[in-house]
PDB file of N, CA and C in Angstrom:
ATOM      1  N   MET A   1      10.964-132.217  92.540  1.00  0.00           N
ATOM      2  CA  MET A   1      12.101-132.243  91.817  1.00  0.00           C
ATOM      3  C   MET A   1      12.677-133.498  91.162  1.00  0.00           C
ATOM      4  N   GLN A   2      13.171-133.463  90.002  1.00  0.00           N
ATOM      5  CA  GLN A   2      13.524-134.560  89.580  1.00  0.00           C
ATOM      6  C   GLN A   2      15.128-134.952  89.811  1.00  0.00           C
ATOM      7  N   ILE A   3      15.368-136.259  89.815  1.00  0.00           N
ATOM      8  CA  ILE A   3      16.505-136.422  90.287  1.00  0.00           C
ATOM      9  C   ILE A   3      17.486-137.235  88.966  1.00  0.00           C
ATOM     10  N   PHE A   4      18.534-136.945  88.567  1.00  0.00           N
ATOM     11  CA  PHE A   4      19.160-137.576  87.529  1.00  0.00           C
ATOM     12  C   PHE A   4      20.946-137.906  88.007  1.00  0.00           C
ATOM     13  N   LYS A   5      21.217-139.097  87.386  1.00  0.00           N
ATOM     14  CA  LYS A   5      22.683-139.602  87.728  1.00  0.00           C
ATOM     15  C   LYS A   5      23.573-138.523  86.990  1.00  0.00           C
ATOM     16  N   SER A   6      24.594-138.310  87.542  1.00  0.00           N
ATOM     17  CA  SER A   6      25.591-137.431  86.948  1.00  0.00           C
ATOM     18  C   SER A   6      25.977-138.020  85.422  1.00  0.00           C
ATOM     19  N   THR A   7      26.058-139.105  85.291  1.00  0.00           N
ATOM     20  CA  THR A   7      26.416-139.671  83.837  1.00  0.00           C
ATOM     21  C   THR A   7      25.284-139.205  83.130  1.00  0.00           C
ATOM     22  N   GLU A   8      24.132-139.377  83.546  1.00  0.00           N
ATOM     23  CA  GLU A   8      22.971-138.949  82.637  1.00  0.00           C
ATOM     24  C   GLU A   8      22.848-137.511  82.487  1.00  0.00           C
ATOM     25  N   VAL A   9      23.144-136.476  83.263  1.00  0.00           N
ATOM     26  CA  VAL A   9      23.329-135.305  82.953  1.00  0.00           C
ATOM     27  C   VAL A   9      24.400-135.077  81.834  1.00  0.00           C
ATOM     28  N   ALA A  10      25.322-135.750  81.921  1.00  0.00           N
ATOM     29  CA  ALA A  10      26.652-135.639  81.001  1.00  0.00           C
ATOM     30  C   ALA A  10      25.983-135.860  79.391  1.00  0.00           C
ATOM     31  N   LYS A  11      25.252-136.942  79.426  1.00  0.00           N
ATOM     32  CA  LYS A  11      24.896-137.287  78.110  1.00  0.00           C
ATOM     33  C   LYS A  11      23.684-136.705  77.619  1.00  0.00           C
ATOM     34  N   ARG A  12      22.732-136.057  78.444  1.00  0.00           N
ATOM     35  CA  ARG A  12      21.443-135.391  78.080  1.00  0.00           C
ATOM     36  C   ARG A  12      21.374-134.134  78.420  1.00  0.00           C
ATOM     37  N   PHE A  13      22.707-133.371  78.640  1.00  0.00           N
ATOM     38  CA  PHE A  13      22.776-132.021  79.334  1.00  0.00           C
ATOM     39  C   PHE A  13      21.687-131.062  78.544  1.00  0.00           C
ATOM     40  N   GLY A  14      21.674-131.049  77.284  1.00  0.00           N
ATOM     41  CA  GLY A  14      20.597-130.048  76.644  1.00  0.00           C
ATOM     42  C   GLY A  14      19.129-130.388  77.151  1.00  0.00           C
ATOM     43  N   ALA A  15      18.648-131.732  77.255  1.00  0.00           N
ATOM     44  CA  ALA A  15      17.218-131.724  77.661  1.00  0.00           C
ATOM     45  C   ALA A  15      17.174-131.411  79.223  1.00  0.00           C
ATOM     46  N   ILE A  16      18.121-131.824  79.970  1.00  0.00           N
ATOM     47  CA  ILE A  16      18.108-131.504  81.440  1.00  0.00           C
ATOM     48  C   ILE A  16      18.033-130.177  81.735  1.00  0.00           C
ATOM     49  N   ALA A  17      18.845-129.366  80.737  1.00  0.00           N
ATOM     50  CA  ALA A  17      18.923-127.870  80.829  1.00  0.00           C
ATOM     51  C   ALA A  17      17.589-127.112  80.746  1.00  0.00           C
ATOM     52  N   GLN A  18      16.697-127.817  79.710  1.00  0.00           N
ATOM     53  CA  GLN A  18      15.348-127.442  79.608  1.00  0.00           C
ATOM     54  C   GLN A  18      14.448-127.634  80.822  1.00  0.00           C
ATOM     55  N   ILE A  19      14.570-128.857  81.451  1.00  0.00           N
ATOM     56  CA  ILE A  19      13.819-128.983  82.739  1.00  0.00           C
ATOM     57  C   ILE A  19      14.134-128.140  83.765  1.00  0.00           C
ATOM     58  N   VAL A  20      15.483-127.588  83.939  1.00  0.00           N
ATOM     59  CA  VAL A  20      15.781-126.683  85.018  1.00  0.00           C
ATOM     60  C   VAL A  20      15.257-125.555  84.795  1.00  0.00           C
ATOM     61  N   GLN A  21      14.705-125.156  83.446  1.00  0.00           N
ATOM     62  CA  GLN A  21      13.950-123.800  83.195  1.00  0.00           C
ATOM     63  C   GLN A  21      12.702-123.649  84.011  1.00  0.00           C
ATOM     64  N   THR A  22      12.317-124.841  84.325  1.00  0.00           N
ATOM     65  CA  THR A  22      10.909-124.874  84.995  1.00  0.00           C
ATOM     66  C   THR A  22      10.955-125.648  86.456  1.00  0.00           C
ATOM     67  N   GLU A  23      11.947-126.131  86.807  1.00  0.00           N
ATOM     68  CA  GLU A  23      12.000-126.689  88.122  1.00  0.00           C
ATOM     69  C   GLU A  23      13.557-127.139  88.465  1.00  0.00           C
ATOM     70  N   PRO A  24      13.996-127.264  89.800  1.00  0.00           N
ATOM     71  CA  PRO A  24      15.293-127.581  90.152  1.00  0.00           C
ATOM     72  C   PRO A  24      15.416-129.083  89.733  1.00  0.00           C
ATOM     73  N   VAL A  25      16.731-129.406  89.473  1.00  0.00           N
ATOM     74  CA  VAL A  25      17.103-130.833  89.277  1.00  0.00           C
ATOM     75  C   VAL A  25      17.978-131.165  90.297  1.00  0.00           C
ATOM     76  N   CYS A  26      18.113-132.139  90.761  1.00  0.00           N
ATOM     77  CA  CYS A  26      19.105-132.823  91.665  1.00  0.00           C
ATOM     78  C   CYS A  26      19.965-133.925  90.886  1.00  0.00           C
ATOM     79  N   VAL A  27      21.172-133.553  90.913  1.00  0.00           N
ATOM     80  CA  VAL A  27      22.134-134.319  90.482  1.00  0.00           C
ATOM     81  C   VAL A  27      22.719-135.254  91.462  1.00  0.00           C
ATOM     82  N   GLU A  28      22.963-136.649  91.154  1.00  0.00           N
ATOM     83  CA  GLU A  28      23.431-137.806  92.254  1.00  0.00           C
ATOM     84  C   GLU A  28      24.525-138.358  91.338  1.00  0.00           C
ATOM     85  N   SER A  29      25.683-138.674  92.468  1.00  0.00           N
ATOM     86  CA  SER A  29      26.661-139.525  92.106  1.00  0.00           C
ATOM     87  C   SER A  29      26.846-140.497  93.330  1.00  0.00           C
ATOM     88  N   HIS A  30      27.078-141.615  92.654  1.00  0.00           N
ATOM     89  CA  HIS A  30      27.220-142.602  93.636  1.00  0.00           C
ATOM     90  C   HIS A  30      25.902-142.863  94.609  1.00  0.00           C
ATOM     91  N   GLY A  31      24.781-142.534  94.084  1.00  0.00           N
ATOM     92  CA  GLY A  31      23.749-142.517  94.955  1.00  0.00           C
ATOM     93  C   GLY A  31      23.325-141.404  95.718  1.00  0.00           C
ATOM     94  N   ARG A  32      24.130-140.577  95.856  1.00  0.00           N
ATOM     95  CA  ARG A  32      24.179-139.456  96.720  1.00  0.00           C
ATOM     96  C   ARG A  32      24.025-138.305  95.899  1.00  0.00           C
ATOM     97  N   PRO A  33      23.173-137.421  96.496  1.00  0.00           N
ATOM     98  CA  PRO A  33      22.925-135.911  96.099  1.00  0.00           C
ATOM     99  C   PRO A  33      24.239-135.023  95.867  1.00  0.00           C
ATOM    100  N   GLN A  34      24.700-134.542  94.744  1.00  0.00           N
ATOM    101  CA  GLN A  34      25.999-133.740  94.629  1.00  0.00           C
ATOM    102  C   GLN A  34      25.686-132.491  94.654  1.00  0.00           C
ATOM    103  N   MET A  35      24.294-132.053  93.943  1.00  0.00           N
ATOM    104  CA  MET A  35      24.248-130.736  93.578  1.00  0.00           C
ATOM    105  C   MET A  35      22.793-130.583  93.186  1.00  0.00           C
ATOM    106  N   VAL A  36      22.080-129.181  93.218  1.00  0.00           N
ATOM    107  CA  VAL A  36      21.013-129.040  92.670  1.00  0.00           C
ATOM    108  C   VAL A  36      21.064-128.105  91.541  1.00  0.00           C
ATOM    109  N   MET A  37      20.797-128.164  90.283  1.00  0.00           N
ATOM    110  CA  MET A  37      20.821-127.467  89.384  1.00  0.00           C
ATOM    111  C   MET A  37      19.460-126.352  89.387  1.00  0.00           C
ATOM    112  N   LEU A  38      19.769-125.068  89.010  1.00  0.00           N
ATOM    113  CA  LEU A  38      18.491-124.330  88.958  1.00  0.00           C
ATOM    114  C   LEU A  38      18.787-123.375  87.941  1.00  0.00           C
ATOM    115  N   SER A  39      17.373-122.650  87.375  1.00  0.00           N
ATOM    116  CA  SER A  39      17.660-121.654  86.469  1.00  0.00           C
ATOM    117  C   SER A  39      18.303-120.451  86.874  1.00  0.00           C
ATOM    118  N   PRO A  40      18.724-119.519  85.816  1.00  0.00           N
ATOM    119  CA  PRO A  40      19.325-118.329  86.480  1.00  0.00           C
ATOM    120  C   PRO A  40      18.166-117.456  87.224  1.00  0.00           C
ATOM    121  N   ALA A  41      17.114-117.344  86.744  1.00  0.00           N
ATOM    122  CA  ALA A  41      16.019-116.430  87.260  1.00  0.00           C
ATOM    123  C   ALA A  41      15.767-117.184  88.707  1.00  0.00           C
ATOM    124  N   GLU A  42      15.728-118.184  88.783  1.00  0.00           N
ATOM    125  CA  GLU A  42      15.419-119.011  90.262  1.00  0.00           C
ATOM    126  C   GLU A  42      16.633-118.591  91.103  1.00  0.00           C
ATOM    127  N   TYR A  43      17.908-118.856  90.647  1.00  0.00           N
ATOM    128  CA  TYR A  43      19.058-118.370  91.328  1.00  0.00           C
ATOM    129  C   TYR A  43      19.057-116.952  92.079  1.00  0.00           C
ATOM    130  N   GLU A  44      18.791-115.818  90.905  1.00  0.00           N
ATOM    131  CA  GLU A  44      18.574-114.503  91.315  1.00  0.00           C
ATOM    132  C   GLU A  44      17.575-114.283  92.419  1.00  0.00           C
ATOM    133  N   ARG A  45      16.493-114.991  92.191  1.00  0.00           N
ATOM    134  CA  ARG A  45      15.314-114.825  93.220  1.00  0.00           C
ATOM    135  C   ARG A  45      15.620-115.207  94.566  1.00  0.00           C
ATOM    136  N   LEU A  46      16.476-116.414  94.705  1.00  0.00           N
ATOM    137  CA  LEU A  46      17.157-116.735  95.920  1.00  0.00           C
ATOM    138  C   LEU A  46      17.959-116.048  96.471  1.00  0.00           C
ATOM    139  N   ARG A  47      18.990-115.271  95.838  1.00  0.00           N
ATOM    140  CA  ARG A  47      19.943-114.377  96.130  1.00  0.00           C
ATOM    141  C   ARG A  47      19.171-113.172  96.534  1.00  0.00           C
ATOM    142  N   ARG A  48      18.109-112.668  95.916  1.00  0.00           N
ATOM    143  CA  ARG A  48      17.507-111.312  96.435  1.00  0.00           C
ATOM    144  C   ARG A  48      16.571-111.810  97.893  1.00  0.00           C
ATOM    145  N   GLN A  49      16.025-112.803  97.846  1.00  0.00           N
ATOM    146  CA  GLN A  49      15.290-113.176  99.043  1.00  0.00           C
ATOM    147  C   GLN A  49      16.400-113.236 100.117  1.00  0.00           C
ATOM    148  N   ASP A  50      17.699-113.913  99.947  1.00  0.00           N
ATOM    149  CA  ASP A  50      18.756-113.918 101.008  1.00  0.00           C
ATOM    150  C   ASP A  50      19.037-112.662 101.737  1.00  0.00           C
ATOM    151  N   ARG A  51      18.895-111.705 100.691  1.00  0.00           N
ATOM    152  CA  ARG A  51      19.433-110.337 101.106  1.00  0.00           C
ATOM    153  C   ARG A  51      18.431-109.414 101.773  1.00  0.00           C
ATOM    154  N   ARG A  52      17.097-110.097 101.685  1.00  0.00           N
ATOM    155  CA  ARG A  52      16.078-109.043 101.959  1.00  0.00           C
ATOM    156  C   ARG A  52      16.097-109.134 103.526  1.00  0.00           C
ATOM    157  N   VAL A  53      16.035-107.728 104.250  1.00  0.00           N
ATOM    158  CA  VAL A  53      15.834-107.590 105.694  1.00  0.00           C
ATOM    159  C   VAL A  53      14.630-106.975 105.760  1.00  0.00           C
ATOM    160  N   TYR A  54      13.848-107.789 106.839  1.00  0.00           N
ATOM    161  CA  TYR A  54      12.462-107.147 107.261  1.00  0.00           C
ATOM    162  C   TYR A  54      12.369-106.797 108.638  1.00  0.00           C
ATOM    163  N   ALA A  55      11.584-105.677 108.799  1.00  0.00           N
ATOM    164  CA  ALA A  55      11.354-105.298 110.282  1.00  0.00           C
ATOM    165  C   ALA A  55      10.369-106.109 110.788  1.00  0.00           C
ATOM    166  N   THR A  56      10.228-106.480 111.829  1.00  0.00           N
ATOM    167  CA  THR A  56       9.084-107.766 112.201  1.00  0.00           C
ATOM    168  C   THR A  56       7.600-106.985 111.830  1.00  0.00           C
ATOM    169  N   ASN A  57       7.624-105.863 111.953  1.00  0.00           N
ATOM    170  CA  ASN A  57       6.106-105.507 111.532  1.00  0.00           C
ATOM    171  C   ASN A  57       5.906-105.331 109.847  1.00  0.00           C
ATOM    172  N   GLU A  58       7.029-105.578 109.112  1.00  0.00           N
ATOM    173  CA  GLU A  58       6.991-105.652 107.560  1.00  0.00           C
ATOM    174  C   GLU A  58       6.831-107.005 106.924  1.00  0.00           C
ATOM    175  N   LEU A  59       6.960-108.054 107.750  1.00  0.00           N
ATOM    176  CA  LEU A  59       6.942-109.384 107.118  1.00  0.00           C
ATOM    177  C   LEU A  59       6.036-109.791 106.515  1.00  0.00           C
ATOM    178  N   PRO A  60       6.081-110.248 105.264  1.00  0.00           N
ATOM    179  CA  PRO A  60       5.065-110.584 104.573  1.00  0.00           C
ATOM    180  C   PRO A  60       4.090-111.937 105.219  1.00  0.00           C
ATOM    181  N   ALA A  61       2.947-111.887 104.798  1.00  0.00           N
ATOM    182  CA  ALA A  61       2.061-112.939 105.493  1.00  0.00           C
ATOM    183  C   ALA A  61       2.578-114.119 105.303  1.00  0.00           C
ATOM    184  N   SER A  62       3.238-114.602 104.233  1.00  0.00           N
ATOM    185  CA  SER A  62       3.616-115.949 103.915  1.00  0.00           C
ATOM    186  C   SER A  62       4.925-116.241 104.828  1.00  0.00           C
ATOM    187  N   LEU A  63       5.719-115.221 105.012  1.00  0.00           N
ATOM    188  CA  LEU A  63       6.721-115.561 105.999  1.00  0.00           C
ATOM    189  C   LEU A  63       6.366-115.640 107.667  1.00  0.00           C
ATOM    190  N   ARG A  64       5.304-114.888 107.855  1.00  0.00           N
ATOM    191  CA  ARG A  64       4.594-114.883 109.342  1.00  0.00           C
ATOM    192  C   ARG A  64       4.174-116.294 109.375  1.00  0.00           C
ATOM    193  N   ALA A  65       3.479-116.909 108.387  1.00  0.00           N
ATOM    194  CA  ALA A  65       2.795-118.054 108.299  1.00  0.00           C
ATOM    195  C   ALA A  65       4.150-119.295 108.733  1.00  0.00           C
ATOM    196  N   ALA A  66       4.996-119.055 107.747  1.00  0.00           N
ATOM    197  CA  ALA A  66       6.004-120.194 107.898  1.00  0.00           C
ATOM    198  C   ALA A  66       6.609-120.052 109.282  1.00  0.00           C
ATOM    199  N   ILE A  67       6.787-118.925 109.863  1.00  0.00           N
ATOM    200  CA  ILE A  67       7.557-118.821 111.258  1.00  0.00           C
ATOM    201  C   ILE A  67       6.600-119.586 112.183  1.00  0.00           C
ATOM    202  N   ALA A  68       5.403-119.208 112.339  1.00  0.00           N
ATOM    203  CA  ALA A  68       4.220-119.706 113.007  1.00  0.00           C
ATOM    204  C   ALA A  68       4.072-121.260 113.107  1.00  0.00           C
ATOM    205  N   ALA A  69       4.412-121.758 111.855  1.00  0.00           N
ATOM    206  CA  ALA A  69       4.157-123.294 111.772  1.00  0.00           C
ATOM    207  C   ALA A  69       5.359-123.914 111.899  1.00  0.00           C
ATOM    208  N   ALA A  70       6.665-123.223 111.969  1.00  0.00           N
ATOM    209  CA  ALA A  70       7.923-124.108 112.339  1.00  0.00           C
ATOM    210  C   ALA A  70       7.913-124.455 113.680  1.00  0.00           C
ATOM    211  N   ARG A  71       8.490-125.794 113.657  1.00  0.00           N
ATOM    212  CA  ARG A  71       8.693-126.464 114.834  1.00  0.00           C
ATOM    213  C   ARG A  71      10.330-126.839 114.836  1.00  0.00           C
ATOM    214  N   PRO A  72      10.746-126.739 116.240  1.00  0.00           N
ATOM    215  CA  PRO A  72      12.109-127.035 116.418  1.00  0.00           C
ATOM    216  C   PRO A  72      12.406-128.599 116.054  1.00  0.00           C
ATOM    217  N   SER A  73      13.651-128.637 115.578  1.00  0.00           N
ATOM    218  CA  SER A  73      14.202-129.944 115.223  1.00  0.00           C
ATOM    219  C   SER A  73      14.329-130.666 116.546  1.00  0.00           C
ATOM    220  N   ALA A  74      14.668-132.126 116.417  1.00  0.00           N
ATOM    221  CA  ALA A  74      15.102-132.861 117.638  1.00  0.00           C
ATOM    222  C   ALA A  74      16.072-132.349 118.171  1.00  0.00           C
ATOM    223  N   GLN A  75      17.183-132.201 117.515  1.00  0.00           N
ATOM    224  CA  GLN A  75      18.712-131.509 118.118  1.00  0.00           C
ATOM    225  C   GLN A  75      18.275-130.217 119.043  1.00  0.00           C
ATOM    226  N   ALA A  76      17.154-129.522 118.631  1.00  0.00           N
ATOM    227  CA  ALA A  76      16.954-128.279 119.456  1.00  0.00           C
ATOM    228  C   ALA A  76      16.649-128.683 120.882  1.00  0.00           C
ATOM    229  N   ALA A  77      15.929-129.955 121.166  1.00  0.00           N
ATOM    230  CA  ALA A  77      15.398-130.172 122.385  1.00  0.00           C
ATOM    231  C   ALA A  77      16.660-130.102 123.562  1.00  0.00           C
ATOM    232  N   LYS A  78      17.827-130.187 122.984  1.00  0.00           N
ATOM    233  CA  LYS A  78      18.807-130.365 124.124  1.00  0.00           C
ATOM    234  C   LYS A  78      18.988-128.776 124.738  1.00  0.00           C
ATOM    235  N   PHE A  79      18.454-127.776 124.094  1.00  0.00           N
ATOM    236  CA  PHE A  79      18.391-126.413 124.499  1.00  0.00           C
ATOM    237  C   PHE A  79      17.398-126.383 125.743  1.00  0.00           C
ATOM    238  N   ASN A  80      16.145-126.988 125.761  1.00  0.00           N
ATOM    239  CA  ASN A  80      15.349-126.935 126.710  1.00  0.00           C
ATOM    240  C   ASN A  80      15.808-126.793 128.004  1.00  0.00           C
ATOM    241  N   ARG A  81      16.730-127.483 128.523  1.00  0.00           N
ATOM    242  CA  ARG A  81      17.170-127.805 129.818  1.00  0.00           C
ATOM    243  C   ARG A  81      18.060-126.521 130.402  1.00  0.00           C
ATOM    244  N   GLU A  82      18.433-125.691 129.452  1.00  0.00           N
ATOM    245  CA  GLU A  82      19.313-124.385 129.771  1.00  0.00           C
ATOM    246  C   GLU A  82      18.741-123.570 130.853  1.00  0.00           C
ATOM    247  N   ALA A  83      19.557-123.014 131.943  1.00  0.00           N
ATOM    248  CA  ALA A  83      18.931-122.145 132.786  1.00  0.00           C
ATOM    249  C   ALA A  83      19.387-121.043 132.439  1.00  0.00           C
TER     250      ALA A  83
END
């Protein structure tokens, strides 16, 4: 993902809008990420995926693999002591 300063996005909006058609773009302000720009097609794909519900026996192989590979965050360790 390419990163652009907000001032650069304002100056080069047309060119950056073309980049967004092929990959998300991060917009920074004062050195911190403020937003991610993405194409309408990618936005719709994410919306559809967000609303998709699977029974456990229907999970696509890619999601099963992602779940199997997932590891808990360091913050989740505090739950290991629960009784």
